[in-house]
Amino acid sequence: MGLIEAFTLFLVCLYIGSESPRIGSSTLALAILLFSLAYLYALGPSAIGFGLAIGSGWVLLNEMVERATPLR
């Protein structure tokens, strides 16, 4: 896989990982994060694993910050 294809795949997975939990519940983001971390552990570094981990982890981090410091 070339550099452009890997980067495109990373961006697609980043989008999927960050937008799909917003449709469902936060448990979906946690499930995607755990799946992507297991994928990275089993298969090593890849664009799919990093994209899904960063996207879903970002959503979980945003939810935790919003719950800890709610805006009025």
PDB file of N, CA and C in Angstrom:
ATOM      1  N   MET A   1       0.853  -1.169   0.000  1.00  0.00           N
ATOM      2  CA  MET A   1       0.000   0.000   0.000  1.00  0.00           C
ATOM      3  C   MET A   1       0.900   1.234   0.000  1.00  0.00           C
ATOM      4  N   GLY A   2       0.580   2.152  -0.870  1.00  0.00           N
ATOM      5  CA  GLY A   2       1.364   3.369  -0.984  1.00  0.00           C
ATOM      6  C   GLY A   2       1.020   4.381   0.094  1.00  0.00           C
ATOM      7  N   LEU A   3       1.769   5.442   0.122  1.00  0.00           N
ATOM      8  CA  LEU A   3       1.586   6.477   1.129  1.00  0.00           C
ATOM      9  C   LEU A   3       0.232   7.177   0.989  1.00  0.00           C
ATOM     10  N   ILE A   4      -0.155   7.491  -0.225  1.00  0.00           N
ATOM     11  CA  ILE A   4      -1.426   8.184  -0.452  1.00  0.00           C
ATOM     12  C   ILE A   4      -2.604   7.297  -0.079  1.00  0.00           C
ATOM     13  N   GLU A   5      -2.535   6.017  -0.434  1.00  0.00           N
ATOM     14  CA  GLU A   5      -3.624   5.095  -0.088  1.00  0.00           C
ATOM     15  C   GLU A   5      -3.724   4.910   1.417  1.00  0.00           C
ATOM     16  N   ALA A   6      -2.598   4.786   2.100  1.00  0.00           N
ATOM     17  CA  ALA A   6      -2.608   4.619   3.557  1.00  0.00           C
ATOM     18  C   ALA A   6      -3.155   5.859   4.245  1.00  0.00           C
ATOM     19  N   PHE A   7      -2.774   7.029   3.759  1.00  0.00           N
ATOM     20  CA  PHE A   7      -3.272   8.266   4.358  1.00  0.00           C
ATOM     21  C   PHE A   7      -4.766   8.419   4.118  1.00  0.00           C
ATOM     22  N   THR A   8      -5.240   8.082   2.932  1.00  0.00           N
ATOM     23  CA  THR A   8      -6.668   8.147   2.636  1.00  0.00           C
ATOM     24  C   THR A   8      -7.456   7.174   3.509  1.00  0.00           C
ATOM     25  N   LEU A   9      -6.939   5.973   3.669  1.00  0.00           N
ATOM     26  CA  LEU A   9      -7.584   4.986   4.527  1.00  0.00           C
ATOM     27  C   LEU A   9      -7.612   5.458   5.971  1.00  0.00           C
ATOM     28  N   PHE A  10      -6.524   6.077   6.433  1.00  0.00           N
ATOM     29  CA  PHE A  10      -6.481   6.631   7.786  1.00  0.00           C
ATOM     30  C   PHE A  10      -7.555   7.694   7.963  1.00  0.00           C
ATOM     31  N   LEU A  11      -7.695   8.597   7.006  1.00  0.00           N
ATOM     32  CA  LEU A  11      -8.696   9.656   7.120  1.00  0.00           C
ATOM     33  C   LEU A  11     -10.120   9.111   7.114  1.00  0.00           C
ATOM     34  N   VAL A  12     -10.369   8.103   6.294  1.00  0.00           N
ATOM     35  CA  VAL A  12     -11.695   7.483   6.270  1.00  0.00           C
ATOM     36  C   VAL A  12     -12.008   6.826   7.613  1.00  0.00           C
ATOM     37  N   CYS A  13     -11.051   6.098   8.157  1.00  0.00           N
ATOM     38  CA  CYS A  13     -11.267   5.440   9.450  1.00  0.00           C
ATOM     39  C   CYS A  13     -11.362   6.452  10.583  1.00  0.00           C
ATOM     40  N   LEU A  14     -10.623   7.546  10.483  1.00  0.00           N
ATOM     41  CA  LEU A  14     -10.743   8.607  11.478  1.00  0.00           C
ATOM     42  C   LEU A  14     -12.145   9.194  11.462  1.00  0.00           C
ATOM     43  N   TYR A  15     -12.681   9.407  10.268  1.00  0.00           N
ATOM     44  CA  TYR A  15     -14.041   9.930  10.142  1.00  0.00           C
ATOM     45  C   TYR A  15     -15.063   8.936  10.696  1.00  0.00           C
ATOM     46  N   ILE A  16     -14.920   7.675  10.347  1.00  0.00           N
ATOM     47  CA  ILE A  16     -15.842   6.645  10.839  1.00  0.00           C
ATOM     48  C   ILE A  16     -15.771   6.545  12.359  1.00  0.00           C
ATOM     49  N   GLY A  17     -14.564   6.534  12.894  1.00  0.00           N
ATOM     50  CA  GLY A  17     -14.396   6.417  14.343  1.00  0.00           C
ATOM     51  C   GLY A  17     -14.911   7.608  15.109  1.00  0.00           C
ATOM     52  N   SER A  18     -14.885   8.785  14.507  1.00  0.00           N
ATOM     53  CA  SER A  18     -15.333   9.966  15.230  1.00  0.00           C
ATOM     54  C   SER A  18     -16.807  10.289  15.004  1.00  0.00           C
ATOM     55  N   GLU A  19     -17.382   9.898  13.888  1.00  0.00           N
ATOM     56  CA  GLU A  19     -18.772  10.252  13.598  1.00  0.00           C
ATOM     57  C   GLU A  19     -19.773   9.156  13.958  1.00  0.00           C
ATOM     58  N   SER A  20     -19.396   7.902  13.889  1.00  0.00           N
ATOM     59  CA  SER A  20     -20.362   6.839  14.184  1.00  0.00           C
ATOM     60  C   SER A  20     -20.809   6.817  15.646  1.00  0.00           C
ATOM     61  N   PRO A  21     -19.976   7.097  16.638  1.00  0.00           N
ATOM     62  CA  PRO A  21     -20.483   7.121  18.014  1.00  0.00           C
ATOM     63  C   PRO A  21     -21.443   8.270  18.279  1.00  0.00           C
ATOM     64  N   ARG A  22     -21.401   9.311  17.492  1.00  0.00           N
ATOM     65  CA  ARG A  22     -22.336  10.416  17.696  1.00  0.00           C
ATOM     66  C   ARG A  22     -23.742  10.027  17.302  1.00  0.00           C
ATOM     67  N   ILE A  23     -23.873   9.046  16.421  1.00  0.00           N
ATOM     68  CA  ILE A  23     -25.189   8.561  16.020  1.00  0.00           C
ATOM     69  C   ILE A  23     -25.769   7.686  17.128  1.00  0.00           C
ATOM     70  N   GLY A  24     -24.952   6.811  17.683  1.00  0.00           N
ATOM     71  CA  GLY A  24     -25.386   5.893  18.731  1.00  0.00           C
ATOM     72  C   GLY A  24     -25.006   6.413  20.111  1.00  0.00           C
ATOM     73  N   SER A  25     -24.772   5.498  20.998  1.00  0.00           N
ATOM     74  CA  SER A  25     -24.419   5.874  22.364  1.00  0.00           C
ATOM     75  C   SER A  25     -22.901   5.898  22.525  1.00  0.00           C
ATOM     76  N   SER A  26     -22.457   6.289  23.708  1.00  0.00           N
ATOM     77  CA  SER A  26     -21.018   6.338  23.960  1.00  0.00           C
ATOM     78  C   SER A  26     -20.431   4.937  24.104  1.00  0.00           C
ATOM     79  N   THR A  27     -21.276   3.935  24.327  1.00  0.00           N
ATOM     80  CA  THR A  27     -20.757   2.571  24.390  1.00  0.00           C
ATOM     81  C   THR A  27     -20.259   2.111  23.027  1.00  0.00           C
ATOM     82  N   LEU A  28     -20.823   2.672  21.964  1.00  0.00           N
ATOM     83  CA  LEU A  28     -20.335   2.354  20.627  1.00  0.00           C
ATOM     84  C   LEU A  28     -18.916   2.892  20.436  1.00  0.00           C
ATOM     85  N   ALA A  29     -18.647   4.084  20.939  1.00  0.00           N
ATOM     86  CA  ALA A  29     -17.296   4.646  20.855  1.00  0.00           C
ATOM     87  C   ALA A  29     -16.310   3.798  21.640  1.00  0.00           C
ATOM     88  N   LEU A  30     -16.716   3.327  22.806  1.00  0.00           N
ATOM     89  CA  LEU A  30     -15.848   2.470  23.614  1.00  0.00           C
ATOM     90  C   LEU A  30     -15.596   1.144  22.919  1.00  0.00           C
ATOM     91  N   ALA A  31     -16.626   0.582  22.300  1.00  0.00           N
ATOM     92  CA  ALA A  31     -16.462  -0.686  21.581  1.00  0.00           C
ATOM     93  C   ALA A  31     -15.523  -0.517  20.385  1.00  0.00           C
ATOM     94  N   ILE A  32     -15.670   0.588  19.652  1.00  0.00           N
ATOM     95  CA  ILE A  32     -14.786   0.843  18.515  1.00  0.00           C
ATOM     96  C   ILE A  32     -13.356   1.039  18.997  1.00  0.00           C
ATOM     97  N   LEU A  33     -13.180   1.759  20.095  1.00  0.00           N
ATOM     98  CA  LEU A  33     -11.845   1.983  20.637  1.00  0.00           C
ATOM     99  C   LEU A  33     -11.191   0.675  21.057  1.00  0.00           C
ATOM    100  N   LEU A  34     -11.911  -0.168  21.772  1.00  0.00           N
ATOM    101  CA  LEU A  34     -11.346  -1.449  22.214  1.00  0.00           C
ATOM    102  C   LEU A  34     -11.039  -2.358  21.032  1.00  0.00           C
ATOM    103  N   PHE A  35     -11.921  -2.374  20.029  1.00  0.00           N
ATOM    104  CA  PHE A  35     -11.670  -3.172  18.842  1.00  0.00           C
ATOM    105  C   PHE A  35     -10.421  -2.690  18.114  1.00  0.00           C
ATOM    106  N   SER A  36     -10.289  -1.382  17.959  1.00  0.00           N
ATOM    107  CA  SER A  36      -9.131  -0.857  17.232  1.00  0.00           C
ATOM    108  C   SER A  36      -7.837  -1.074  17.999  1.00  0.00           C
ATOM    109  N   LEU A  37      -7.874  -0.997  19.315  1.00  0.00           N
ATOM    110  CA  LEU A  37      -6.671  -1.270  20.106  1.00  0.00           C
ATOM    111  C   LEU A  37      -6.274  -2.741  20.021  1.00  0.00           C
ATOM    112  N   ALA A  38      -7.267  -3.625  20.041  1.00  0.00           N
ATOM    113  CA  ALA A  38      -6.972  -5.047  19.868  1.00  0.00           C
ATOM    114  C   ALA A  38      -6.429  -5.325  18.475  1.00  0.00           C
ATOM    115  N   TYR A  39      -6.975  -4.636  17.483  1.00  0.00           N
ATOM    116  CA  TYR A  39      -6.499  -4.765  16.107  1.00  0.00           C
ATOM    117  C   TYR A  39      -5.048  -4.315  15.998  1.00  0.00           C
ATOM    118  N   LEU A  40      -4.724  -3.186  16.627  1.00  0.00           N
ATOM    119  CA  LEU A  40      -3.347  -2.699  16.603  1.00  0.00           C
ATOM    120  C   LEU A  40      -2.409  -3.654  17.327  1.00  0.00           C
ATOM    121  N   TYR A  41      -2.858  -4.210  18.448  1.00  0.00           N
ATOM    122  CA  TYR A  41      -2.024  -5.137  19.207  1.00  0.00           C
ATOM    123  C   TYR A  41      -1.759  -6.411  18.413  1.00  0.00           C
ATOM    124  N   ALA A  42      -2.798  -6.906  17.735  1.00  0.00           N
ATOM    125  CA  ALA A  42      -2.666  -8.177  17.023  1.00  0.00           C
ATOM    126  C   ALA A  42      -1.895  -8.042  15.713  1.00  0.00           C
ATOM    127  N   LEU A  43      -2.157  -6.971  14.970  1.00  0.00           N
ATOM    128  CA  LEU A  43      -1.592  -6.859  13.628  1.00  0.00           C
ATOM    129  C   LEU A  43      -0.500  -5.806  13.489  1.00  0.00           C
ATOM    130  N   GLY A  44      -0.249  -5.065  14.533  1.00  0.00           N
ATOM    131  CA  GLY A  44       0.784  -4.042  14.460  1.00  0.00           C
ATOM    132  C   GLY A  44       0.248  -2.742  13.889  1.00  0.00           C
ATOM    133  N   PRO A  45       1.133  -1.786  13.675  1.00  0.00           N
ATOM    134  CA  PRO A  45       0.700  -0.472  13.205  1.00  0.00           C
ATOM    135  C   PRO A  45       0.014  -0.542  11.834  1.00  0.00           C
ATOM    136  N   SER A  46      -1.110   0.146  11.742  1.00  0.00           N
ATOM    137  CA  SER A  46      -1.824   0.212  10.467  1.00  0.00           C
ATOM    138  C   SER A  46      -2.679   1.474  10.448  1.00  0.00           C
ATOM    139  N   ALA A  47      -3.027   1.910   9.253  1.00  0.00           N
ATOM    140  CA  ALA A  47      -3.848   3.108   9.097  1.00  0.00           C
ATOM    141  C   ALA A  47      -5.253   2.891   9.649  1.00  0.00           C
ATOM    142  N   ILE A  48      -5.789   1.701   9.477  1.00  0.00           N
ATOM    143  CA  ILE A  48      -7.139   1.404   9.970  1.00  0.00           C
ATOM    144  C   ILE A  48      -7.177   1.484  11.491  1.00  0.00           C
ATOM    145  N   GLY A  49      -6.243   0.822  12.152  1.00  0.00           N
ATOM    146  CA  GLY A  49      -6.216   0.816  13.613  1.00  0.00           C
ATOM    147  C   GLY A  49      -6.021   2.195  14.206  1.00  0.00           C
ATOM    148  N   PHE A  50      -5.056   2.947  13.672  1.00  0.00           N
ATOM    149  CA  PHE A  50      -4.805   4.284  14.200  1.00  0.00           C
ATOM    150  C   PHE A  50      -5.977   5.219  13.939  1.00  0.00           C
ATOM    151  N   GLY A  51      -6.574   5.155  12.770  1.00  0.00           N
ATOM    152  CA  GLY A  51      -7.702   6.027  12.462  1.00  0.00           C
ATOM    153  C   GLY A  51      -8.889   5.782  13.372  1.00  0.00           C
ATOM    154  N   LEU A  52      -9.228   4.523  13.570  1.00  0.00           N
ATOM    155  CA  LEU A  52     -10.356   4.198  14.451  1.00  0.00           C
ATOM    156  C   LEU A  52     -10.050   4.524  15.905  1.00  0.00           C
ATOM    157  N   ALA A  53      -8.820   4.262  16.355  1.00  0.00           N
ATOM    158  CA  ALA A  53      -8.460   4.545  17.744  1.00  0.00           C
ATOM    159  C   ALA A  53      -8.469   6.042  18.029  1.00  0.00           C
ATOM    160  N   ILE A  54      -7.901   6.831  17.144  1.00  0.00           N
ATOM    161  CA  ILE A  54      -7.859   8.274  17.363  1.00  0.00           C
ATOM    162  C   ILE A  54      -9.256   8.874  17.274  1.00  0.00           C
ATOM    163  N   GLY A  55     -10.043   8.461  16.302  1.00  0.00           N
ATOM    164  CA  GLY A  55     -11.388   9.016  16.138  1.00  0.00           C
ATOM    165  C   GLY A  55     -12.305   8.705  17.306  1.00  0.00           C
ATOM    166  N   SER A  56     -12.368   7.452  17.703  1.00  0.00           N
ATOM    167  CA  SER A  56     -13.267   7.082  18.810  1.00  0.00           C
ATOM    168  C   SER A  56     -12.718   7.559  20.151  1.00  0.00           C
ATOM    169  N   GLY A  57     -11.408   7.569  20.301  1.00  0.00           N
ATOM    170  CA  GLY A  57     -10.818   8.091  21.544  1.00  0.00           C
ATOM    171  C   GLY A  57     -11.091   9.570  21.708  1.00  0.00           C
ATOM    172  N   TRP A  58     -11.073  10.294  20.600  1.00  0.00           N
ATOM    173  CA  TRP A  58     -11.364  11.729  20.645  1.00  0.00           C
ATOM    174  C   TRP A  58     -12.804  11.980  21.084  1.00  0.00           C
ATOM    175  N   VAL A  59     -13.725  11.183  20.605  1.00  0.00           N
ATOM    176  CA  VAL A  59     -15.131  11.324  20.993  1.00  0.00           C
ATOM    177  C   VAL A  59     -15.300  11.041  22.484  1.00  0.00           C
ATOM    178  N   LEU A  60     -14.657   9.974  22.981  1.00  0.00           N
ATOM    179  CA  LEU A  60     -14.749   9.657  24.407  1.00  0.00           C
ATOM    180  C   LEU A  60     -14.126  10.748  25.265  1.00  0.00           C
ATOM    181  N   LEU A  61     -13.006  11.300  24.835  1.00  0.00           N
ATOM    182  CA  LEU A  61     -12.366  12.381  25.576  1.00  0.00           C
ATOM    183  C   LEU A  61     -13.277  13.605  25.624  1.00  0.00           C
ATOM    184  N   ASN A  62     -13.909  13.948  24.515  1.00  0.00           N
ATOM    185  CA  ASN A  62     -14.827  15.087  24.504  1.00  0.00           C
ATOM    186  C   ASN A  62     -16.014  14.863  25.431  1.00  0.00           C
ATOM    187  N   GLU A  63     -16.556  13.654  25.444  1.00  0.00           N
ATOM    188  CA  GLU A  63     -17.689  13.360  26.328  1.00  0.00           C
ATOM    189  C   GLU A  63     -17.288  13.450  27.793  1.00  0.00           C
ATOM    190  N   MET A  64     -16.106  12.957  28.125  1.00  0.00           N
ATOM    191  CA  MET A  64     -15.647  13.013  29.522  1.00  0.00           C
ATOM    192  C   MET A  64     -15.425  14.452  29.970  1.00  0.00           C
ATOM    193  N   VAL A  65     -14.869  15.282  29.116  1.00  0.00           N
ATOM    194  CA  VAL A  65     -14.645  16.686  29.469  1.00  0.00           C
ATOM    195  C   VAL A  65     -15.969  17.420  29.604  1.00  0.00           C
ATOM    196  N   GLU A  66     -16.915  17.143  28.725  1.00  0.00           N
ATOM    197  CA  GLU A  66     -18.227  17.791  28.817  1.00  0.00           C
ATOM    198  C   GLU A  66     -18.965  17.384  30.083  1.00  0.00           C
ATOM    199  N   ARG A  67     -18.818  16.157  30.499  1.00  0.00           N
ATOM    200  CA  ARG A  67     -19.472  15.718  31.749  1.00  0.00           C
ATOM    201  C   ARG A  67     -18.779  16.288  32.976  1.00  0.00           C
ATOM    202  N   ALA A  68     -17.460  16.439  32.910  1.00  0.00           N
ATOM    203  CA  ALA A  68     -16.725  16.967  34.058  1.00  0.00           C
ATOM    204  C   ALA A  68     -16.915  18.474  34.228  1.00  0.00           C
ATOM    205  N   THR A  69     -16.999  19.187  33.123  1.00  0.00           N
ATOM    206  CA  THR A  69     -17.160  20.645  33.175  1.00  0.00           C
ATOM    207  C   THR A  69     -18.312  21.059  32.261  1.00  0.00           C
ATOM    208  N   PRO A  70     -19.552  20.912  32.731  1.00  0.00           N
ATOM    209  CA  PRO A  70     -20.689  21.258  31.872  1.00  0.00           C
ATOM    210  C   PRO A  70     -20.785  22.773  31.660  1.00  0.00           C
ATOM    211  N   LEU A  71     -21.153  23.157  30.442  1.00  0.00           N
ATOM    212  CA  LEU A  71     -21.366  24.567  30.139  1.00  0.00           C
ATOM    213  C   LEU A  71     -22.782  24.942  30.512  1.00  0.00           C
ATOM    214  N   ARG A  72     -22.919  26.150  31.000  1.00  0.00           N
ATOM    215  CA  ARG A  72     -24.258  26.591  31.426  1.00  0.00           C
ATOM    216  C   ARG A  72     -24.887  27.460  30.400  1.00  0.00           C
TER     217      ARG A  72
END
